[in-house]
Structure formats: C-alpha cells, structure tokens
PDB file of N, CA and C in Angstrom:
ATOM      1  N   MET A   1    -146.687 147.158  44.231  1.00  0.00           N
ATOM      2  CA  MET A   1    -146.011 148.816  43.971  1.00  0.00           C
ATOM      3  C   MET A   1    -144.966 149.243  44.565  1.00  0.00           C
ATOM      4  N   THR A   2    -143.531 149.214  44.004  1.00  0.00           N
ATOM      5  CA  THR A   2    -142.268 149.366  44.921  1.00  0.00           C
ATOM      6  C   THR A   2    -142.367 151.116  45.156  1.00  0.00           C
ATOM      7  N   GLN A   3    -142.113 151.928  46.471  1.00  0.00           N
ATOM      8  CA  GLN A   3    -141.987 153.113  46.336  1.00  0.00           C
ATOM      9  C   GLN A   3    -140.629 153.039  46.342  1.00  0.00           C
ATOM     10  N   ASN A   4    -139.961 154.640  46.352  1.00  0.00           N
ATOM     11  CA  ASN A   4    -139.089 155.052  45.927  1.00  0.00           C
ATOM     12  C   ASN A   4    -138.917 155.724  48.008  1.00  0.00           C
ATOM     13  N   GLN A   5    -138.116 154.741  48.199  1.00  0.00           N
ATOM     14  CA  GLN A   5    -137.396 155.127  49.478  1.00  0.00           C
ATOM     15  C   GLN A   5    -136.269 156.027  49.525  1.00  0.00           C
ATOM     16  N   GLU A   6    -136.278 157.201  50.154  1.00  0.00           N
ATOM     17  CA  GLU A   6    -134.752 158.012  50.370  1.00  0.00           C
ATOM     18  C   GLU A   6    -133.994 157.916  51.481  1.00  0.00           C
ATOM     19  N   PRO A   7    -133.001 156.846  51.557  1.00  0.00           N
ATOM     20  CA  PRO A   7    -132.172 157.173  52.909  1.00  0.00           C
ATOM     21  C   PRO A   7    -132.111 158.188  53.453  1.00  0.00           C
ATOM     22  N   SER A   8    -132.153 158.128  54.942  1.00  0.00           N
ATOM     23  CA  SER A   8    -132.453 159.365  55.583  1.00  0.00           C
ATOM     24  C   SER A   8    -131.343 159.871  55.612  1.00  0.00           C
ATOM     25  N   GLN A   9    -131.490 161.281  55.768  1.00  0.00           N
ATOM     26  CA  GLN A   9    -129.715 162.500  55.467  1.00  0.00           C
ATOM     27  C   GLN A   9    -129.902 162.567  57.171  1.00  0.00           C
ATOM     28  N   ASP A  10    -128.773 162.736  57.401  1.00  0.00           N
ATOM     29  CA  ASP A  10    -128.051 163.329  58.438  1.00  0.00           C
ATOM     30  C   ASP A  10    -127.959 164.097  59.005  1.00  0.00           C
ATOM     31  N   PRO A  11    -129.127 164.894  59.525  1.00  0.00           N
ATOM     32  CA  PRO A  11    -129.306 166.350  60.016  1.00  0.00           C
ATOM     33  C   PRO A  11    -127.656 166.900  60.801  1.00  0.00           C
ATOM     34  N   ALA A  12    -127.330 166.504  61.182  1.00  0.00           N
ATOM     35  CA  ALA A  12    -125.786 166.786  61.643  1.00  0.00           C
ATOM     36  C   ALA A  12    -124.996 167.068  60.283  1.00  0.00           C
ATOM     37  N   GLY A  13    -125.232 166.208  59.993  1.00  0.00           N
ATOM     38  CA  GLY A  13    -123.921 166.668  58.468  1.00  0.00           C
ATOM     39  C   GLY A  13    -124.600 167.827  57.537  1.00  0.00           C
ATOM     40  N   ASN A  14    -126.324 168.234  57.290  1.00  0.00           N
ATOM     41  CA  ASN A  14    -126.671 169.146  56.587  1.00  0.00           C
ATOM     42  C   ASN A  14    -126.062 170.622  57.815  1.00  0.00           C
ATOM     43  N   THR A  15    -126.254 170.425  59.390  1.00  0.00           N
ATOM     44  CA  THR A  15    -125.511 171.488  59.835  1.00  0.00           C
ATOM     45  C   THR A  15    -124.489 171.658  59.713  1.00  0.00           C
ATOM     46  N   GLN A  16    -123.180 170.418  59.318  1.00  0.00           N
ATOM     47  CA  GLN A  16    -122.467 170.768  59.180  1.00  0.00           C
ATOM     48  C   GLN A  16    -121.674 171.193  58.196  1.00  0.00           C
ATOM     49  N   HIS A  17    -122.204 171.593  57.020  1.00  0.00           N
ATOM     50  CA  HIS A  17    -122.258 171.680  55.209  1.00  0.00           C
ATOM     51  C   HIS A  17    -122.816 173.334  55.460  1.00  0.00           C
ATOM     52  N   PHE A  18    -123.916 173.449  56.622  1.00  0.00           N
ATOM     53  CA  PHE A  18    -124.173 174.754  56.351  1.00  0.00           C
ATOM     54  C   PHE A  18    -123.716 175.245  57.238  1.00  0.00           C
ATOM     55  N   ARG A  19    -122.692 175.159  58.275  1.00  0.00           N
ATOM     56  CA  ARG A  19    -122.325 176.115  58.902  1.00  0.00           C
ATOM     57  C   ARG A  19    -120.752 176.093  57.803  1.00  0.00           C
ATOM     58  N   ARG A  20    -120.199 175.524  57.405  1.00  0.00           N
ATOM     59  CA  ARG A  20    -119.183 175.520  56.304  1.00  0.00           C
ATOM     60  C   ARG A  20    -119.447 176.726  55.380  1.00  0.00           C
ATOM     61  N   PHE A  21    -120.672 176.723  54.566  1.00  0.00           N
ATOM     62  CA  PHE A  21    -121.152 177.541  53.774  1.00  0.00           C
ATOM     63  C   PHE A  21    -120.978 179.047  54.633  1.00  0.00           C
ATOM     64  N   VAL A  22    -121.933 178.968  55.726  1.00  0.00           N
ATOM     65  CA  VAL A  22    -121.669 180.480  56.121  1.00  0.00           C
ATOM     66  C   VAL A  22    -120.135 181.184  56.313  1.00  0.00           C
ATOM     67  N   ASP A  23    -119.222 180.036  56.877  1.00  0.00           N
ATOM     68  CA  ASP A  23    -117.864 180.683  57.460  1.00  0.00           C
ATOM     69  C   ASP A  23    -117.286 180.935  56.067  1.00  0.00           C
ATOM     70  N   GLU A  24    -117.347 180.241  54.919  1.00  0.00           N
ATOM     71  CA  GLU A  24    -116.685 180.523  53.775  1.00  0.00           C
ATOM     72  C   GLU A  24    -117.529 181.422  52.734  1.00  0.00           C
ATOM     73  N   ASN A  25    -118.617 181.851  53.063  1.00  0.00           N
ATOM     74  CA  ASN A  25    -118.894 183.174  52.246  1.00  0.00           C
ATOM     75  C   ASN A  25    -119.969 184.057  53.732  1.00  0.00           C
ATOM     76  N   PRO A  26    -118.895 184.996  53.913  1.00  0.00           N
ATOM     77  CA  PRO A  26    -119.653 185.841  54.983  1.00  0.00           C
ATOM     78  C   PRO A  26    -119.969 186.911  54.389  1.00  0.00           C
ATOM     79  N   GLN A  27    -121.235 187.452  54.485  1.00  0.00           N
ATOM     80  CA  GLN A  27    -122.637 188.521  54.203  1.00  0.00           C
ATOM     81  C   GLN A  27    -121.274 190.057  54.113  1.00  0.00           C
ATOM     82  N   PRO A  28    -121.248 190.510  53.136  1.00  0.00           N
ATOM     83  CA  PRO A  28    -120.557 191.448  52.690  1.00  0.00           C
ATOM     84  C   PRO A  28    -121.139 193.060  54.040  1.00  0.00           C
ATOM     85  N   GLU A  29    -120.184 193.563  54.190  1.00  0.00           N
ATOM     86  CA  GLU A  29    -120.304 194.407  55.156  1.00  0.00           C
ATOM     87  C   GLU A  29    -121.502 196.030  54.397  1.00  0.00           C
ATOM     88  N   GLU A  30    -122.345 196.249  55.435  1.00  0.00           N
ATOM     89  CA  GLU A  30    -122.353 197.501  54.643  1.00  0.00           C
ATOM     90  C   GLU A  30    -122.008 198.342  54.330  1.00  0.00           C
ATOM     91  N   THR A  31    -122.013 199.060  53.406  1.00  0.00           N
ATOM     92  CA  THR A  31    -121.477 200.796  52.894  1.00  0.00           C
ATOM     93  C   THR A  31    -121.522 201.524  54.148  1.00  0.00           C
ATOM     94  N   ALA A  32    -120.609 202.191  54.373  1.00  0.00           N
ATOM     95  CA  ALA A  32    -120.420 203.506  55.329  1.00  0.00           C
ATOM     96  C   ALA A  32    -121.425 204.395  54.941  1.00  0.00           C
ATOM     97  N   ARG A  33    -122.328 204.781  56.003  1.00  0.00           N
ATOM     98  CA  ARG A  33    -123.038 206.204  55.540  1.00  0.00           C
ATOM     99  C   ARG A  33    -122.573 207.480  55.961  1.00  0.00           C
ATOM    100  N   ARG A  34    -123.085 208.283  54.974  1.00  0.00           N
ATOM    101  CA  ARG A  34    -122.150 209.411  55.396  1.00  0.00           C
ATOM    102  C   ARG A  34    -123.068 210.222  56.431  1.00  0.00           C
ATOM    103  N   PRO A  35    -122.058 210.887  57.415  1.00  0.00           N
ATOM    104  CA  PRO A  35    -122.579 211.619  58.644  1.00  0.00           C
ATOM    105  C   PRO A  35    -123.263 212.481  57.933  1.00  0.00           C
ATOM    106  N   VAL A  36    -124.706 213.165  58.721  1.00  0.00           N
ATOM    107  CA  VAL A  36    -125.418 214.018  58.465  1.00  0.00           C
ATOM    108  C   VAL A  36    -124.689 215.181  58.944  1.00  0.00           C
ATOM    109  N   LEU A  37    -124.460 215.203  60.241  1.00  0.00           N
ATOM    110  CA  LEU A  37    -124.001 216.579  60.484  1.00  0.00           C
ATOM    111  C   LEU A  37    -123.032 217.363  60.064  1.00  0.00           C
ATOM    112  N   PRO A  38    -121.924 217.100  59.135  1.00  0.00           N
ATOM    113  CA  PRO A  38    -121.670 217.955  57.913  1.00  0.00           C
ATOM    114  C   PRO A  38    -122.776 218.777  56.992  1.00  0.00           C
ATOM    115  N   ILE A  39    -123.716 218.110  56.452  1.00  0.00           N
ATOM    116  CA  ILE A  39    -124.333 218.379  55.693  1.00  0.00           C
ATOM    117  C   ILE A  39    -125.251 219.258  56.190  1.00  0.00           C
ATOM    118  N   VAL A  40    -125.862 219.426  57.165  1.00  0.00           N
ATOM    119  CA  VAL A  40    -126.415 219.784  58.213  1.00  0.00           C
ATOM    120  C   VAL A  40    -126.012 221.120  58.703  1.00  0.00           C
ATOM    121  N   LEU A  41    -124.515 221.057  59.009  1.00  0.00           N
ATOM    122  CA  LEU A  41    -123.654 222.222  59.177  1.00  0.00           C
ATOM    123  C   LEU A  41    -123.651 223.223  58.152  1.00  0.00           C
ATOM    124  N   ALA A  42    -123.646 222.377  56.903  1.00  0.00           N
ATOM    125  CA  ALA A  42    -123.348 223.261  55.653  1.00  0.00           C
ATOM    126  C   ALA A  42    -124.515 223.933  55.122  1.00  0.00           C
ATOM    127  N   GLY A  43    -125.935 223.702  55.255  1.00  0.00           N
ATOM    128  CA  GLY A  43    -127.066 223.814  55.606  1.00  0.00           C
ATOM    129  C   GLY A  43    -127.546 225.121  56.299  1.00  0.00           C
ATOM    130  N   VAL A  44    -127.065 224.811  57.497  1.00  0.00           N
ATOM    131  CA  VAL A  44    -127.370 226.135  58.453  1.00  0.00           C
ATOM    132  C   VAL A  44    -125.986 227.380  58.023  1.00  0.00           C
ATOM    133  N   GLY A  45    -124.968 227.337  57.577  1.00  0.00           N
ATOM    134  CA  GLY A  45    -123.994 227.969  56.810  1.00  0.00           C
ATOM    135  C   GLY A  45    -124.883 228.661  55.643  1.00  0.00           C
ATOM    136  N   VAL A  46    -125.536 228.085  55.207  1.00  0.00           N
ATOM    137  CA  VAL A  46    -125.637 228.820  53.724  1.00  0.00           C
ATOM    138  C   VAL A  46    -127.012 230.228  54.228  1.00  0.00           C
ATOM    139  N   ILE A  47    -128.183 229.397  54.973  1.00  0.00           N
ATOM    140  CA  ILE A  47    -128.996 229.920  55.752  1.00  0.00           C
ATOM    141  C   ILE A  47    -128.730 231.220  56.015  1.00  0.00           C
ATOM    142  N   LEU A  48    -127.717 231.257  56.719  1.00  0.00           N
ATOM    143  CA  LEU A  48    -127.198 232.257  57.958  1.00  0.00           C
ATOM    144  C   LEU A  48    -126.712 233.423  56.567  1.00  0.00           C
ATOM    145  N   ALA A  49    -125.486 232.764  55.831  1.00  0.00           N
ATOM    146  CA  ALA A  49    -124.752 234.064  54.871  1.00  0.00           C
ATOM    147  C   ALA A  49    -125.786 234.816  54.461  1.00  0.00           C
ATOM    148  N   VAL A  50    -127.250 233.899  53.573  1.00  0.00           N
ATOM    149  CA  VAL A  50    -128.212 234.707  52.944  1.00  0.00           C
ATOM    150  C   VAL A  50    -128.982 235.524  53.728  1.00  0.00           C
ATOM    151  N   ALA A  51    -129.098 235.523  55.049  1.00  0.00           N
ATOM    152  CA  ALA A  51    -129.768 236.046  55.842  1.00  0.00           C
ATOM    153  C   ALA A  51    -128.865 237.151  56.615  1.00  0.00           C
ATOM    154  N   VAL A  52    -127.719 237.189  56.343  1.00  0.00           N
ATOM    155  CA  VAL A  52    -126.288 238.326  56.408  1.00  0.00           C
ATOM    156  C   VAL A  52    -126.476 239.016  54.945  1.00  0.00           C
ATOM    157  N   ILE A  53    -126.522 238.609  54.037  1.00  0.00           N
ATOM    158  CA  ILE A  53    -126.598 239.304  52.701  1.00  0.00           C
ATOM    159  C   ILE A  53    -128.029 240.483  52.722  1.00  0.00           C
ATOM    160  N   VAL A  54    -128.920 239.305  52.833  1.00  0.00           N
ATOM    161  CA  VAL A  54    -130.235 240.355  53.227  1.00  0.00           C
ATOM    162  C   VAL A  54    -130.304 241.295  54.043  1.00  0.00           C
ATOM    163  N   ALA A  55    -129.755 241.280  55.077  1.00  0.00           N
ATOM    164  CA  ALA A  55    -129.883 241.956  55.945  1.00  0.00           C
ATOM    165  C   ALA A  55    -129.332 243.447  55.793  1.00  0.00           C
ATOM    166  N   LEU A  56    -127.429 243.117  54.916  1.00  0.00           N
ATOM    167  CA  LEU A  56    -126.620 244.035  54.721  1.00  0.00           C
ATOM    168  C   LEU A  56    -127.814 244.782  53.568  1.00  0.00           C
ATOM    169  N   VAL A  57    -127.972 244.144  52.542  1.00  0.00           N
ATOM    170  CA  VAL A  57    -128.771 244.880  51.253  1.00  0.00           C
ATOM    171  C   VAL A  57    -129.866 246.109  52.067  1.00  0.00           C
ATOM    172  N   MET A  58    -131.010 245.575  53.004  1.00  0.00           N
ATOM    173  CA  MET A  58    -131.881 246.102  53.768  1.00  0.00           C
ATOM    174  C   MET A  58    -131.082 247.332  54.746  1.00  0.00           C
ATOM    175  N   ALA A  59    -130.411 246.774  55.363  1.00  0.00           N
ATOM    176  CA  ALA A  59    -129.607 248.188  55.804  1.00  0.00           C
ATOM    177  C   ALA A  59    -129.276 249.675  54.903  1.00  0.00           C
ATOM    178  N   PHE A  60    -128.642 249.004  53.657  1.00  0.00           N
ATOM    179  CA  PHE A  60    -127.703 250.166  52.918  1.00  0.00           C
ATOM    180  C   PHE A  60    -128.851 250.885  51.683  1.00  0.00           C
ATOM    181  N   THR A  61    -129.873 250.569  51.491  1.00  0.00           N
ATOM    182  CA  THR A  61    -130.789 250.700  50.637  1.00  0.00           C
ATOM    183  C   THR A  61    -131.663 251.818  51.581  1.00  0.00           C
TER     184      THR A  61
END
C-alpha cells in the first residue's frame, strides 16, 4: 500500500501569506455611534415644556 505523503508546508510562508492578507484586507471601521447627550437633553426639554404648560393651565383655571 502506498501512502500519499504531502510535502511539509512551510509555516513561515503561511505566516507571510496571512500577514499580506491582513495588510491588504483591513477590517472595516465601526460606524460612528450617535451621541446620547443631545437625545437626553431633548427629552428633558420636552418634559419641562409639558410641565410648564400643565402648571400654566392649572394656574389659570
């Protein structure tokens, strides 16, 4: 019985191919996340506006 013997692979060559692959295919940058502070401030502003309107309605009725 003859066995198929594959030639030994060069680990340094594989590493060089991998490094070239990584250098040529950079990972896409993550999309910029929207800041939360303006959304929170808008929410607080809406709550304050509603509170002022309710206070004015209660004061003049």
